[in-house]
Amino acid sequence: MSNNTLLSIYLIISIIKFAVSIDCSVKNEQNIESKIKYKLFCNGYDKTMRPVNDHKTITSVRVKMMIKSYDYDDHYSSMTINTWMINRWNDEFLKWDSREYENIKSIDVRSDLIWRPDFSLYNADISYGIGSCHDSYCLIESNGNISCIEPCSFVSTCRSDYSKWPFDKQNCSMVFGPWMNSQNELDYVNDETTVSKLAAAEHTQWKLVSAKVVKKVISLNSKDKKYTASFPNLSYFFLIERHSSMVFQVIKVAAVTFFILNLTTLFIKTRKPERFIILITNMFLHFQMIHQMSWITPHNGEQTPSVLTFFRNSLVITCILMIETLIVEYLNASEVHPTEKLKNIINYIRRHQMINLILRSNSNNYDDGIVLVEDQMKVKTSVNNEEWTFVANLIDKICLILLFLTYILMAFTLFPLSYIITQNMIKEEA
């Protein structure tokens, strides 16, 4: 029987059926299906016993998980999935000869009336329980094969990693297995794990990148090693990726703004008060941005989010530019003659045409080596020394180049290339 047929049967049953208990005190012979149910459930059937005649027989359960919806909680580092668990197994006590019952080969019963395999979430968030599955209807075939589709909800804790927030990926796992039945009694066989198109499309913040399952066996030994038991389990691994366009745009605008403000200061004459005003304003904006980010970034996790590291480093750069501005202004106003060794170094640098070309592009900042400096006390102007003016000009140019390179490197560490490519693909598909 195909999966689509099984799902169709489940949906039809869920809509048109209602909960009906089986009354074994009265033999119901209204129809053939009632006779089959009376034969199966009113002859000592015990739903608490594993459905095998020989206790050495292993009950094999085929498990398929169909994910209908999912969510991730940053605060508690927990993942919630709502699924349809499709289980198939054979019950040796629920068989009949279809020829004796007008060739009826299948019936449906409530899931709480039959034995069901123990399938518990080992790494569950205990505050939400070990998972909950709602009763539904199961399809029983005349050969004892049973197919159940149960809507379930599971919540597990995850080991979070917010170092790349808000471009982070989270790896979450869910380990399912029996509490009591060992591998000699119960075995799981994984069919597949699927994600419905609705579940993949409806979540606006998280994208389920992959979902895979691995079958494992857990072995337990007693202290005296006289008792050893192995328990089968299915480990599901989910990889989810955050997609938060609004936060991405806010961070991008803020990063570009801070870069432009710092860059602008290097094109303003040091004697202009606007240079200090822009730097002080930029420092204030950095503090405000870091404060706002601290409210929306997750507070758990072992590593600091890269976005906070970016803005911290950008603030450090702004402070360095403030110090550099004070040094350059001091050099422009200095009347102390440099040593002969420093003059030789300056003359050696001046002989390079490329350096002279770069420095000459900003010569208007220094009035061809003669700069008038007016401090806040409006003292007398003085003629600056040409060598110190050259050094100040060179420092400004070096800071300009380093500023470009540093911010480019910081941008690559902040904005993952894979995330940018994914965002562009989403826009093209839209």
Protein backbone atom coordinates (compact mmCIF):
# COMPACT_ATOMS: atom_id res chain seq x y z
CA MET A 1 0.00 0.00 0.00
CA SER A 2 1.49 3.35 -1.02
CA ASN A 3 2.09 6.22 1.39
CA ASN A 4 -0.39 8.45 -0.43
CA THR A 5 -3.09 5.80 -0.10
CA LEU A 6 -2.32 5.40 3.61
CA LEU A 7 -2.51 9.14 4.22
CA SER A 8 -5.78 9.38 2.31
CA ILE A 9 -7.26 6.62 4.44
CA TYR A 10 -6.13 8.41 7.61
CA LEU A 11 -7.70 11.71 6.56
CA ILE A 12 -10.98 10.07 5.61
CA ILE A 13 -11.11 8.21 8.92
CA SER A 14 -10.29 11.37 10.91
CA ILE A 15 -13.17 13.22 9.27
CA ILE A 16 -15.98 10.70 9.16
CA LYS A 17 -15.22 8.45 12.16
CA PHE A 18 -16.12 9.05 15.79
CA ALA A 19 -14.85 7.47 18.98
CA VAL A 20 -16.67 4.22 19.63
CA SER A 21 -15.69 1.83 22.40
CA ILE A 22 -16.09 -1.91 22.03
CA ASP A 23 -18.62 -3.41 24.42
CA CYS A 24 -17.66 -7.07 24.90
CA SER A 25 -20.58 -7.75 27.26
CA VAL A 26 -22.92 -7.74 24.29
CA LYS A 27 -22.14 -9.58 21.11
CA ASN A 28 -22.62 -7.05 18.36
CA GLU A 29 -23.59 -8.61 15.05
CA GLN A 30 -24.96 -5.54 13.30
CA ASN A 31 -22.43 -5.87 10.49
CA ILE A 32 -19.40 -7.88 9.44
CA GLU A 33 -16.92 -5.29 10.77
CA SER A 34 -18.52 -5.47 14.22
CA LYS A 35 -18.14 -9.25 14.18
CA ILE A 36 -14.44 -8.93 13.33
CA LYS A 37 -13.85 -6.46 16.17
CA TYR A 38 -15.72 -8.71 18.61
CA LYS A 39 -13.55 -11.67 17.58
CA LEU A 40 -10.32 -9.69 17.91
CA PHE A 41 -10.88 -7.70 21.09
CA CYS A 42 -13.33 -9.77 23.12
CA ASN A 43 -11.28 -12.93 23.39
CA GLY A 44 -8.71 -11.90 25.97
CA TYR A 45 -6.75 -9.34 23.93
CA ASP A 46 -4.32 -7.44 26.20
CA LYS A 47 -3.01 -4.19 24.75
CA THR A 48 -0.29 -3.99 27.41
CA MET A 49 1.41 -7.18 26.16
CA ARG A 50 3.78 -7.26 23.21
CA PRO A 51 1.77 -8.88 20.36
CA VAL A 52 3.80 -12.06 19.77
CA ASN A 53 3.07 -15.72 20.50
CA ASP A 54 6.72 -16.51 21.14
CA HIS A 55 8.50 -14.06 23.46
CA LYS A 56 11.72 -14.63 21.51
CA THR A 57 10.15 -13.07 18.40
CA ILE A 58 11.33 -9.50 17.80
CA THR A 59 8.64 -6.97 16.97
CA SER A 60 9.90 -4.89 14.05
CA VAL A 61 8.44 -1.39 13.75
CA ARG A 62 8.84 0.71 10.62
CA VAL A 63 8.91 4.40 11.53
CA LYS A 64 8.38 7.39 9.27
CA MET A 65 8.35 10.99 10.47
CA MET A 66 6.45 13.59 8.46
CA ILE A 67 7.22 17.06 9.78
CA LYS A 68 4.23 19.38 9.58
CA SER A 69 5.64 22.41 11.42
CA TYR A 70 8.62 23.38 13.55
CA ASP A 71 9.96 26.22 15.65
CA TYR A 72 13.09 27.18 17.59
CA ASP A 73 13.17 29.11 20.86
CA ASP A 74 16.30 31.27 21.28
CA HIS A 75 15.69 31.90 24.96
CA TYR A 76 15.47 28.26 25.99
CA SER A 77 17.56 26.79 23.13
CA SER A 78 14.82 24.31 22.37
CA MET A 79 13.28 23.01 19.16
CA THR A 80 9.64 22.05 18.75
CA ILE A 81 8.39 19.86 15.92
CA ASN A 82 4.82 18.87 15.13
CA THR A 83 4.76 15.67 13.14
CA TRP A 84 2.74 12.81 11.84
CA MET A 85 4.38 9.64 13.11
CA ILE A 86 3.61 6.80 10.71
CA ASN A 87 4.29 3.45 12.36
CA ARG A 88 3.84 -0.02 10.89
CA TRP A 89 4.18 -3.38 12.66
CA ASN A 90 2.57 -6.80 12.87
CA ASP A 91 0.23 -7.88 15.67
CA GLU A 92 -0.01 -11.66 15.81
CA PHE A 93 -3.19 -11.46 17.91
CA LEU A 94 -5.15 -9.30 15.46
CA LYS A 95 -5.60 -11.63 12.51
CA TRP A 96 -8.64 -13.13 10.83
CA ASP A 97 -9.56 -15.16 7.79
CA SER A 98 -11.08 -12.69 5.36
CA ARG A 99 -12.94 -15.49 3.59
CA GLU A 100 -15.05 -16.03 6.70
CA TYR A 101 -16.00 -12.35 6.85
CA GLU A 102 -17.21 -11.55 3.34
CA ASN A 103 -13.64 -10.98 2.11
CA ILE A 104 -13.08 -7.92 4.33
CA LYS A 105 -9.32 -7.51 4.47
CA SER A 106 -8.98 -4.41 6.65
CA ILE A 107 -10.72 -2.52 9.42
CA ASP A 108 -10.01 0.64 11.38
CA VAL A 109 -9.91 0.94 15.18
CA ARG A 110 -8.95 3.57 17.70
CA SER A 111 -5.26 3.57 18.50
CA ASP A 112 -5.87 3.42 22.26
CA LEU A 113 -7.49 -0.02 21.88
CA ILE A 114 -4.41 -1.80 20.59
CA TRP A 115 -0.80 -2.35 21.60
CA ARG A 116 1.48 0.40 20.32
CA PRO A 117 5.28 0.45 20.25
CA ASP A 118 7.06 2.42 22.96
CA PHE A 119 8.55 5.45 21.22
CA SER A 120 9.78 8.06 23.71
CA LEU A 121 11.98 11.12 23.34
CA TYR A 122 15.14 10.57 25.40
CA ASN A 123 16.51 14.14 25.25
CA ALA A 124 13.17 15.86 25.78
CA ASP A 125 12.73 19.19 27.50
CA ILE A 126 11.20 17.79 30.69
CA SER A 127 9.15 20.92 31.28
CA TYR A 128 7.13 19.88 28.21
CA GLY A 129 7.12 16.16 29.02
CA ILE A 130 8.71 13.40 26.94
CA GLY A 131 6.46 14.13 23.97
CA SER A 132 2.76 13.75 23.37
CA CYS A 133 0.94 11.86 20.65
CA HIS A 134 -2.81 12.17 20.23
CA ASP A 135 -5.02 9.16 19.77
CA SER A 136 -6.12 8.52 16.22
CA TYR A 137 -7.32 5.61 14.14
CA CYS A 138 -5.22 2.71 12.95
CA LEU A 139 -5.70 0.46 9.97
CA ILE A 140 -5.56 -3.28 10.72
CA GLU A 141 -5.19 -5.77 7.88
CA SER A 142 -6.34 -9.37 8.03
CA ASN A 143 -2.74 -10.64 8.18
CA GLY A 144 -2.09 -8.61 11.36
CA ASN A 145 -0.22 -5.74 9.74
CA ILE A 146 -1.05 -2.45 11.44
CA SER A 147 -0.53 1.08 10.15
CA CYS A 148 -0.97 4.02 12.52
CA ILE A 149 -0.66 7.74 11.81
CA GLU A 150 -0.51 9.73 15.02
CA PRO A 151 -0.16 13.53 15.30
CA CYS A 152 2.65 14.18 17.77
CA SER A 153 4.49 17.12 19.28
CA PHE A 154 8.06 16.91 20.59
CA VAL A 155 10.27 19.49 22.33
CA SER A 156 13.99 18.86 22.78
CA THR A 157 16.85 20.94 24.09
CA CYS A 158 19.62 21.94 21.67
CA ARG A 159 23.23 22.92 22.12
CA SER A 160 23.07 26.44 20.75
CA ASP A 161 25.80 28.33 18.93
CA TYR A 162 25.09 32.04 18.43
CA SER A 163 28.58 33.06 17.32
CA LYS A 164 27.22 33.89 13.83
CA TRP A 165 23.98 35.49 15.01
CA PRO A 166 21.83 36.64 13.22
CA PHE A 167 23.18 34.47 10.40
CA ASP A 168 23.50 31.39 12.57
CA LYS A 169 22.69 27.75 11.98
CA GLN A 170 21.53 25.51 14.79
CA ASN A 171 22.03 21.76 15.01
CA CYS A 172 19.33 20.02 17.00
CA SER A 173 18.89 16.32 17.64
CA MET A 174 16.05 14.17 18.90
CA VAL A 175 16.74 10.65 20.14
CA PHE A 176 13.76 8.29 20.27
CA GLY A 177 13.63 4.84 21.75
CA PRO A 178 11.80 2.50 24.15
CA TRP A 179 11.89 2.83 27.92
CA MET A 180 11.67 -0.88 28.69
CA ASN A 181 11.78 -3.07 25.58
CA SER A 182 15.29 -4.16 24.66
CA GLN A 183 16.66 -4.88 21.22
CA ASN A 184 15.75 -8.55 21.67
CA GLU A 185 12.09 -7.53 21.96
CA LEU A 186 11.65 -4.44 19.84
CA ASP A 187 13.48 -3.11 16.81
CA TYR A 188 13.02 0.07 14.79
CA VAL A 189 13.40 0.33 11.04
CA ASN A 190 13.54 3.82 9.59
CA ASP A 191 11.47 4.43 6.47
CA GLU A 192 12.29 8.09 5.77
CA THR A 193 11.92 11.59 7.11
CA THR A 194 9.99 14.10 5.03
CA VAL A 195 9.08 17.75 5.39
CA SER A 196 5.76 18.91 4.05
CA LYS A 197 5.84 21.80 1.60
CA LEU A 198 3.58 23.79 3.90
CA ALA A 199 5.97 23.41 6.84
CA ALA A 200 8.94 24.45 4.69
CA ALA A 201 7.20 27.56 3.39
CA GLU A 202 5.23 28.90 6.34
CA HIS A 203 8.12 29.64 8.73
CA THR A 204 9.40 33.15 8.06
CA GLN A 205 12.42 33.14 10.40
CA TRP A 206 13.86 29.63 10.24
CA LYS A 207 14.60 27.38 7.30
CA LEU A 208 14.95 23.64 7.76
CA VAL A 209 18.11 22.92 5.78
CA SER A 210 18.30 19.18 6.37
CA ALA A 211 16.75 16.38 8.40
CA LYS A 212 18.33 12.96 8.65
CA VAL A 213 18.00 9.94 10.89
CA VAL A 214 20.55 7.44 12.13
CA LYS A 215 19.78 4.15 13.82
CA LYS A 216 21.86 3.45 16.92
CA VAL A 217 21.96 1.03 19.83
CA ILE A 218 22.47 2.00 23.47
CA SER A 219 24.05 -0.67 25.69
CA LEU A 220 23.63 -0.67 29.47
CA ASN A 221 25.56 -2.82 31.91
CA SER A 222 24.93 -3.53 35.58
CA LYS A 223 27.65 -2.76 38.14
CA ASP A 224 28.62 -6.40 38.47
CA LYS A 225 28.41 -6.76 34.66
CA LYS A 226 26.11 -9.75 35.02
CA TYR A 227 23.28 -8.01 33.21
CA THR A 228 23.65 -6.38 29.81
CA ALA A 229 20.85 -4.91 27.73
CA SER A 230 20.83 -3.10 24.40
CA PHE A 231 18.09 -0.65 23.47
CA PRO A 232 17.44 0.47 19.89
CA ASN A 233 16.94 4.12 19.14
CA LEU A 234 16.49 6.44 16.19
CA SER A 235 18.49 9.68 16.31
CA TYR A 236 17.05 12.51 14.23
CA PHE A 237 19.36 15.40 13.32
CA PHE A 238 17.92 18.72 12.19
CA LEU A 239 19.88 21.63 10.73
CA ILE A 240 17.99 24.93 10.74
CA GLU A 241 19.16 28.29 9.41
CA ARG A 242 17.96 31.69 10.58
CA HIS A 243 16.56 34.10 8.01
CA SER A 244 15.85 37.50 9.51
CA SER A 245 15.81 40.13 6.76
CA MET A 246 14.90 43.04 9.03
CA VAL A 247 17.80 42.47 11.43
CA PHE A 248 20.12 41.95 8.46
CA GLN A 249 19.14 45.31 6.96
CA VAL A 250 19.53 47.12 10.30
CA ILE A 251 23.02 45.70 10.83
CA LYS A 252 24.03 46.45 7.24
CA VAL A 253 22.89 50.08 7.42
CA ALA A 254 24.58 50.61 10.78
CA ALA A 255 27.87 49.07 9.63
CA VAL A 256 27.97 51.17 6.44
CA THR A 257 27.11 54.33 8.41
CA PHE A 258 29.90 53.80 10.94
CA PHE A 259 32.39 53.12 8.14
CA ILE A 260 31.43 56.28 6.22
CA LEU A 261 31.60 58.46 9.33
CA ASN A 262 35.07 57.19 10.21
CA LEU A 263 36.21 57.53 6.62
CA THR A 264 34.91 61.10 6.39
CA THR A 265 37.00 62.25 9.33
CA LEU A 266 40.24 61.41 7.47
CA PHE A 267 39.29 63.85 4.70
CA ILE A 268 38.70 66.74 7.10
CA LYS A 269 41.54 69.01 8.20
CA THR A 270 42.64 68.28 11.73
CA ARG A 271 42.27 71.90 12.74
CA LYS A 272 38.56 71.76 11.85
CA PRO A 273 36.27 71.09 14.87
CA GLU A 274 33.97 69.06 12.59
CA ARG A 275 36.45 66.20 12.70
CA PHE A 276 36.17 65.87 16.47
CA ILE A 277 32.40 66.36 16.37
CA ILE A 278 31.94 63.50 13.86
CA LEU A 279 34.17 61.17 15.84
CA ILE A 280 32.40 61.90 19.13
CA THR A 281 29.00 61.46 17.45
CA ASN A 282 30.15 58.19 15.93
CA MET A 283 31.28 56.91 19.34
CA PHE A 284 27.88 57.75 20.81
CA LEU A 285 26.12 55.93 17.96
CA HIS A 286 28.29 52.88 18.56
CA PHE A 287 27.31 52.76 22.22
CA GLN A 288 23.63 53.06 21.31
CA MET A 289 23.87 50.29 18.70
CA ILE A 290 25.67 47.91 21.06
CA HIS A 291 23.05 48.64 23.72
CA GLN A 292 20.19 47.88 21.31
CA MET A 293 21.87 44.70 20.05
CA SER A 294 22.27 43.47 23.62
CA TRP A 295 18.48 43.47 23.98
CA ILE A 296 17.71 41.37 20.90
CA THR A 297 20.68 38.98 20.81
CA PRO A 298 20.30 35.67 22.66
CA HIS A 299 21.90 35.79 26.11
CA ASN A 300 22.74 32.09 26.28
CA GLY A 301 25.48 30.27 24.43
CA GLU A 302 29.20 29.96 24.99
CA GLN A 303 30.45 32.44 22.35
CA THR A 304 29.83 36.14 21.76
CA PRO A 305 27.76 36.87 18.63
CA SER A 306 29.89 38.17 15.77
CA VAL A 307 27.66 41.22 15.35
CA LEU A 308 28.58 42.46 18.84
CA THR A 309 32.24 41.78 18.11
CA PHE A 310 31.94 43.78 14.88
CA PHE A 311 30.47 46.86 16.56
CA ARG A 312 32.96 46.57 19.44
CA ASN A 313 35.87 46.54 16.98
CA SER A 314 34.34 49.42 15.05
CA LEU A 315 34.13 51.40 18.30
CA VAL A 316 37.80 50.65 18.98
CA ILE A 317 38.66 51.95 15.49
CA THR A 318 36.75 55.16 16.20
CA CYS A 319 38.67 55.63 19.45
CA ILE A 320 41.96 55.02 17.63
CA LEU A 321 41.00 57.67 15.05
CA MET A 322 40.33 60.07 17.90
CA ILE A 323 43.82 59.46 19.27
CA GLU A 324 45.30 59.68 15.75
CA THR A 325 43.60 63.06 15.24
CA LEU A 326 45.14 64.42 18.43
CA ILE A 327 48.58 63.14 17.39
CA VAL A 328 48.33 64.59 13.88
CA GLU A 329 47.17 67.96 15.22
CA TYR A 330 50.05 67.95 17.68
CA LEU A 331 52.53 67.23 14.87
CA ASN A 332 51.13 70.02 12.71
CA ALA A 333 51.53 72.49 15.55
CA SER A 334 54.95 71.25 16.60
CA GLU A 335 57.92 73.64 16.26
CA VAL A 336 60.48 71.11 17.50
CA HIS A 337 62.96 70.29 14.77
CA PRO A 338 63.22 66.55 14.03
CA THR A 339 66.48 64.70 14.48
CA GLU A 340 68.84 64.10 11.57
CA LYS A 341 67.97 60.40 11.55
CA LEU A 342 64.27 61.19 11.21
CA LYS A 343 65.04 63.69 8.43
CA ASN A 344 66.96 61.03 6.51
CA ILE A 345 64.02 58.63 6.79
CA ILE A 346 61.62 61.32 5.62
CA ASN A 347 63.83 62.20 2.66
CA TYR A 348 64.12 58.51 1.75
CA ILE A 349 60.32 58.17 1.71
CA ARG A 350 59.93 61.36 -0.31
CA ARG A 351 62.04 59.97 -3.12
CA HIS A 352 59.28 57.47 -3.96
CA GLN A 353 57.01 59.03 -6.58
CA MET A 354 54.01 56.89 -5.67
CA ILE A 355 54.07 58.08 -2.05
CA ASN A 356 54.44 61.69 -3.15
CA LEU A 357 51.49 61.28 -5.50
CA ILE A 358 49.32 59.88 -2.71
CA LEU A 359 50.33 62.57 -0.24
CA ARG A 360 49.93 65.35 -2.80
CA SER A 361 46.26 64.33 -3.24
CA ASN A 362 45.65 65.52 0.30
CA SER A 363 48.04 68.48 0.26
CA ASN A 364 45.16 70.92 0.58
CA ASN A 365 44.84 69.75 4.18
CA TYR A 366 48.24 71.17 4.95
CA ASP A 367 48.49 74.23 2.68
CA ASP A 368 51.70 72.94 0.95
CA GLY A 369 53.45 72.37 4.24
CA ILE A 370 52.40 75.67 5.86
CA VAL A 371 49.49 75.14 8.25
CA LEU A 372 47.93 77.75 10.48
CA VAL A 373 46.77 76.17 13.76
CA GLU A 374 44.20 77.92 15.88
CA ASP A 375 43.43 76.29 19.20
CA GLN A 376 40.39 76.83 21.37
CA MET A 377 42.17 79.62 23.28
CA LYS A 378 42.86 81.53 19.97
CA VAL A 379 46.58 82.02 20.60
CA LYS A 380 49.02 83.31 18.03
CA THR A 381 49.48 81.30 14.85
CA SER A 382 52.81 79.73 14.16
CA VAL A 383 54.55 78.25 11.15
CA ASN A 384 54.65 74.46 11.29
CA ASN A 385 57.77 72.53 10.54
CA GLU A 386 57.71 71.00 7.08
CA GLU A 387 59.04 67.59 8.18
CA TRP A 388 56.37 67.16 10.88
CA THR A 389 53.69 68.18 8.40
CA PHE A 390 54.91 65.44 6.06
CA VAL A 391 54.81 62.87 8.88
CA ALA A 392 51.29 63.94 9.88
CA ASN A 393 50.13 63.70 6.29
CA LEU A 394 51.69 60.23 5.98
CA ILE A 395 49.99 59.01 9.17
CA ASP A 396 46.62 60.16 7.88
CA LYS A 397 47.12 58.29 4.60
CA ILE A 398 48.24 55.11 6.34
CA CYS A 399 45.18 55.24 8.60
CA LEU A 400 42.98 55.72 5.53
CA ILE A 401 44.35 52.57 3.85
CA LEU A 402 44.20 50.52 7.05
CA LEU A 403 40.64 51.70 7.65
CA PHE A 404 39.55 50.35 4.25
CA LEU A 405 41.26 47.02 4.70
CA THR A 406 40.07 46.53 8.28
CA TYR A 407 36.42 47.19 7.53
CA ILE A 408 36.50 44.95 4.46
CA LEU A 409 37.92 42.12 6.56
CA MET A 410 35.38 42.74 9.32
CA ALA A 411 32.53 42.77 6.79
CA PHE A 412 33.54 39.33 5.48
CA THR A 413 33.55 37.92 9.01
CA LEU A 414 30.19 39.52 9.82
CA PHE A 415 28.18 38.74 6.67
CA PRO A 416 28.63 35.11 5.56
CA LEU A 417 28.85 34.77 1.80
CA SER A 418 26.50 31.77 1.83
CA TYR A 419 23.81 33.83 3.58
CA ILE A 420 24.07 36.66 1.03
CA ILE A 421 23.84 34.18 -1.87
CA THR A 422 20.78 32.55 -0.29
CA GLN A 423 19.07 35.90 0.18
CA ASN A 424 19.68 36.80 -3.46
CA MET A 425 18.26 33.45 -4.58
CA ILE A 426 15.14 34.02 -2.48
CA LYS A 427 14.65 37.46 -4.07
CA GLU A 428 15.08 36.02 -7.57
CA GLU A 429 12.53 33.28 -6.89
CA ALA A 430 10.08 35.87 -5.53
